[in-house]
Amino acid sequence: MRLIIACLAAVVVVGCSQTPTASMKQRVVDENYVALVENAAHSNSSRVEVIWINPPTHIVAQTDNMKP
């Protein structure tokens, strides 16, 4: 019984330590770089098509209006 209580207490403590804080950072798509590459591809005479599998991102500080 003590082991079960100790395990439950450990789960609660670990779970609470993983909650996000207001100072979290967030990865967002680097729209400037995407536009630069796509404009370069469209202005090329060989008609290159750009398909972003993993678009380039950068880290920004998360604000209240960016929360999901």
N, C-alpha and C. Protein backbone atom coordinates (compact mmCIF):
# COMPACT_ATOMS: atom_id res chain seq x y z
N MET A 1 0.82 -1.19 0.00
CA MET A 1 0.00 0.00 0.00
C MET A 1 0.87 1.26 0.00
N ARG A 2 1.94 1.24 0.77
CA ARG A 2 2.84 2.40 0.80
C ARG A 2 3.50 2.61 -0.56
N LEU A 3 3.80 1.51 -1.23
CA LEU A 3 4.43 1.61 -2.55
C LEU A 3 3.48 2.27 -3.55
N ILE A 4 2.21 1.93 -3.49
CA ILE A 4 1.23 2.52 -4.40
C ILE A 4 1.10 4.01 -4.14
N ILE A 5 1.02 4.40 -2.87
CA ILE A 5 0.91 5.81 -2.53
C ILE A 5 2.16 6.58 -2.96
N ALA A 6 3.33 5.97 -2.76
CA ALA A 6 4.58 6.61 -3.17
C ALA A 6 4.63 6.78 -4.69
N CYS A 7 4.18 5.79 -5.42
CA CYS A 7 4.17 5.87 -6.89
C CYS A 7 3.19 6.95 -7.37
N LEU A 8 2.02 7.01 -6.77
CA LEU A 8 1.05 8.03 -7.14
C LEU A 8 1.56 9.43 -6.83
N ALA A 9 2.22 9.58 -5.68
CA ALA A 9 2.79 10.88 -5.34
C ALA A 9 3.87 11.27 -6.33
N ALA A 10 4.69 10.31 -6.74
CA ALA A 10 5.75 10.60 -7.72
C ALA A 10 5.16 11.00 -9.06
N VAL A 11 4.08 10.36 -9.48
CA VAL A 11 3.44 10.69 -10.74
C VAL A 11 2.87 12.11 -10.69
N VAL A 12 2.26 12.47 -9.57
CA VAL A 12 1.70 13.82 -9.44
C VAL A 12 2.80 14.87 -9.47
N VAL A 13 3.89 14.63 -8.76
CA VAL A 13 4.99 15.59 -8.71
C VAL A 13 5.62 15.75 -10.09
N VAL A 14 5.86 14.67 -10.78
CA VAL A 14 6.47 14.73 -12.11
C VAL A 14 5.51 15.36 -13.11
N GLY A 15 4.23 15.05 -13.02
CA GLY A 15 3.25 15.62 -13.92
C GLY A 15 3.12 17.12 -13.76
N CYS A 16 3.18 17.60 -12.55
CA CYS A 16 3.06 19.04 -12.31
C CYS A 16 4.30 19.80 -12.73
N SER A 17 5.43 19.14 -12.72
CA SER A 17 6.66 19.83 -13.12
C SER A 17 6.75 19.99 -14.64
N GLN A 18 5.91 19.31 -15.39
CA GLN A 18 5.95 19.36 -16.85
C GLN A 18 4.96 20.34 -17.44
N THR A 19 4.23 21.08 -16.61
CA THR A 19 3.25 22.01 -17.14
C THR A 19 3.95 23.20 -17.79
N PRO A 20 3.42 23.73 -18.90
CA PRO A 20 4.07 24.84 -19.58
C PRO A 20 3.99 26.13 -18.76
N THR A 21 4.96 26.99 -18.96
CA THR A 21 4.98 28.27 -18.26
C THR A 21 4.80 29.39 -19.27
N ALA A 22 4.67 30.60 -18.78
CA ALA A 22 4.44 31.75 -19.66
C ALA A 22 5.67 32.10 -20.48
N SER A 23 6.84 31.63 -20.07
CA SER A 23 8.06 31.99 -20.78
C SER A 23 8.45 30.94 -21.82
N MET A 24 7.50 30.11 -22.25
CA MET A 24 7.80 29.08 -23.24
C MET A 24 8.13 29.70 -24.58
N LYS A 25 8.93 28.99 -25.33
CA LYS A 25 9.29 29.42 -26.68
C LYS A 25 8.53 28.54 -27.67
N GLN A 26 8.30 29.07 -28.85
CA GLN A 26 7.52 28.35 -29.85
C GLN A 26 8.22 28.44 -31.20
N ARG A 27 8.17 27.34 -31.97
CA ARG A 27 8.74 27.33 -33.31
C ARG A 27 7.65 27.74 -34.29
N VAL A 28 7.98 28.71 -35.16
CA VAL A 28 7.05 29.17 -36.19
C VAL A 28 7.75 29.13 -37.53
N VAL A 29 6.97 29.04 -38.59
CA VAL A 29 7.53 28.99 -39.94
C VAL A 29 8.18 30.34 -40.26
N ASP A 30 9.36 30.28 -40.84
CA ASP A 30 10.09 31.49 -41.25
C ASP A 30 9.52 31.95 -42.58
N GLU A 31 8.47 32.76 -42.50
CA GLU A 31 7.74 33.20 -43.70
C GLU A 31 8.62 34.00 -44.65
N ASN A 32 9.55 34.78 -44.13
CA ASN A 32 10.43 35.58 -44.99
C ASN A 32 11.31 34.70 -45.86
N TYR A 33 11.89 33.66 -45.27
CA TYR A 33 12.77 32.77 -46.02
C TYR A 33 11.96 31.95 -47.04
N VAL A 34 10.77 31.50 -46.63
CA VAL A 34 9.92 30.74 -47.55
C VAL A 34 9.57 31.60 -48.76
N ALA A 35 9.19 32.85 -48.52
CA ALA A 35 8.83 33.75 -49.63
C ALA A 35 10.05 34.01 -50.52
N LEU A 36 11.22 34.19 -49.92
CA LEU A 36 12.43 34.44 -50.69
C LEU A 36 12.74 33.27 -51.63
N VAL A 37 12.68 32.05 -51.11
CA VAL A 37 12.98 30.87 -51.92
C VAL A 37 11.92 30.67 -53.00
N GLU A 38 10.65 30.84 -52.65
CA GLU A 38 9.59 30.64 -53.64
C GLU A 38 9.64 31.71 -54.74
N ASN A 39 9.96 32.94 -54.39
CA ASN A 39 10.09 33.98 -55.42
C ASN A 39 11.28 33.70 -56.33
N ALA A 40 12.37 33.21 -55.77
CA ALA A 40 13.53 32.87 -56.59
C ALA A 40 13.20 31.71 -57.53
N ALA A 41 12.43 30.76 -57.05
CA ALA A 41 12.06 29.62 -57.88
C ALA A 41 11.12 30.04 -59.01
N HIS A 42 10.20 30.94 -58.74
CA HIS A 42 9.25 31.39 -59.77
C HIS A 42 9.90 32.31 -60.79
N SER A 43 10.93 33.04 -60.37
CA SER A 43 11.58 33.94 -61.31
C SER A 43 12.60 33.22 -62.19
N ASN A 44 12.90 31.98 -61.86
CA ASN A 44 13.83 31.18 -62.65
C ASN A 44 13.14 30.74 -63.94
N SER A 45 13.87 30.75 -65.03
CA SER A 45 13.27 30.39 -66.32
C SER A 45 12.99 28.89 -66.45
N SER A 46 13.54 28.07 -65.56
CA SER A 46 13.31 26.63 -65.66
C SER A 46 12.06 26.16 -64.93
N ARG A 47 11.28 27.10 -64.37
CA ARG A 47 10.02 26.79 -63.69
C ARG A 47 10.18 25.73 -62.61
N VAL A 48 10.96 26.02 -61.61
CA VAL A 48 11.19 25.11 -60.49
C VAL A 48 9.99 25.18 -59.55
N GLU A 49 9.49 24.03 -59.12
CA GLU A 49 8.40 23.99 -58.16
C GLU A 49 8.97 23.63 -56.80
N VAL A 50 8.67 24.42 -55.80
CA VAL A 50 9.17 24.19 -54.45
C VAL A 50 8.08 23.51 -53.65
N ILE A 51 8.41 22.37 -53.05
CA ILE A 51 7.50 21.66 -52.17
C ILE A 51 8.19 21.54 -50.81
N TRP A 52 7.61 22.18 -49.80
CA TRP A 52 8.20 22.17 -48.47
C TRP A 52 7.71 20.95 -47.69
N ILE A 53 8.61 20.03 -47.41
CA ILE A 53 8.28 18.89 -46.56
C ILE A 53 8.35 19.34 -45.10
N ASN A 54 9.46 19.92 -44.72
CA ASN A 54 9.64 20.52 -43.40
C ASN A 54 10.06 21.96 -43.63
N PRO A 55 9.12 22.88 -43.60
CA PRO A 55 9.48 24.27 -43.88
C PRO A 55 10.44 24.81 -42.82
N PRO A 56 11.26 25.78 -43.19
CA PRO A 56 12.21 26.34 -42.23
C PRO A 56 11.47 27.06 -41.11
N THR A 57 11.97 26.90 -39.91
CA THR A 57 11.33 27.52 -38.75
C THR A 57 12.36 28.30 -37.95
N HIS A 58 11.86 29.16 -37.08
CA HIS A 58 12.70 29.84 -36.11
C HIS A 58 11.95 29.92 -34.79
N ILE A 59 12.66 30.16 -33.71
CA ILE A 59 12.07 30.16 -32.38
C ILE A 59 11.73 31.57 -31.97
N VAL A 60 10.52 31.75 -31.47
CA VAL A 60 10.07 33.04 -30.94
C VAL A 60 9.50 32.82 -29.55
N ALA A 61 9.49 33.89 -28.77
CA ALA A 61 8.88 33.82 -27.44
C ALA A 61 7.38 33.75 -27.60
N GLN A 62 6.75 32.85 -26.86
CA GLN A 62 5.31 32.67 -26.96
C GLN A 62 4.60 33.76 -26.17
N THR A 63 3.61 34.38 -26.80
CA THR A 63 2.81 35.40 -26.14
C THR A 63 1.40 34.88 -25.96
N ASP A 64 0.58 35.64 -25.26
CA ASP A 64 -0.80 35.19 -24.99
C ASP A 64 -1.60 34.98 -26.26
N ASN A 65 -1.39 35.80 -27.29
CA ASN A 65 -2.20 35.66 -28.52
C ASN A 65 -1.70 34.53 -29.40
N MET A 66 -0.56 33.90 -29.09
CA MET A 66 -0.03 32.80 -29.90
C MET A 66 -0.40 31.44 -29.31
N LYS A 67 -1.05 31.40 -28.16
CA LYS A 67 -1.37 30.12 -27.53
C LYS A 67 -2.42 29.41 -28.35
N PRO A 68 -2.27 28.07 -28.51
CA PRO A 68 -3.23 27.31 -29.30
C PRO A 68 -4.57 27.19 -28.63
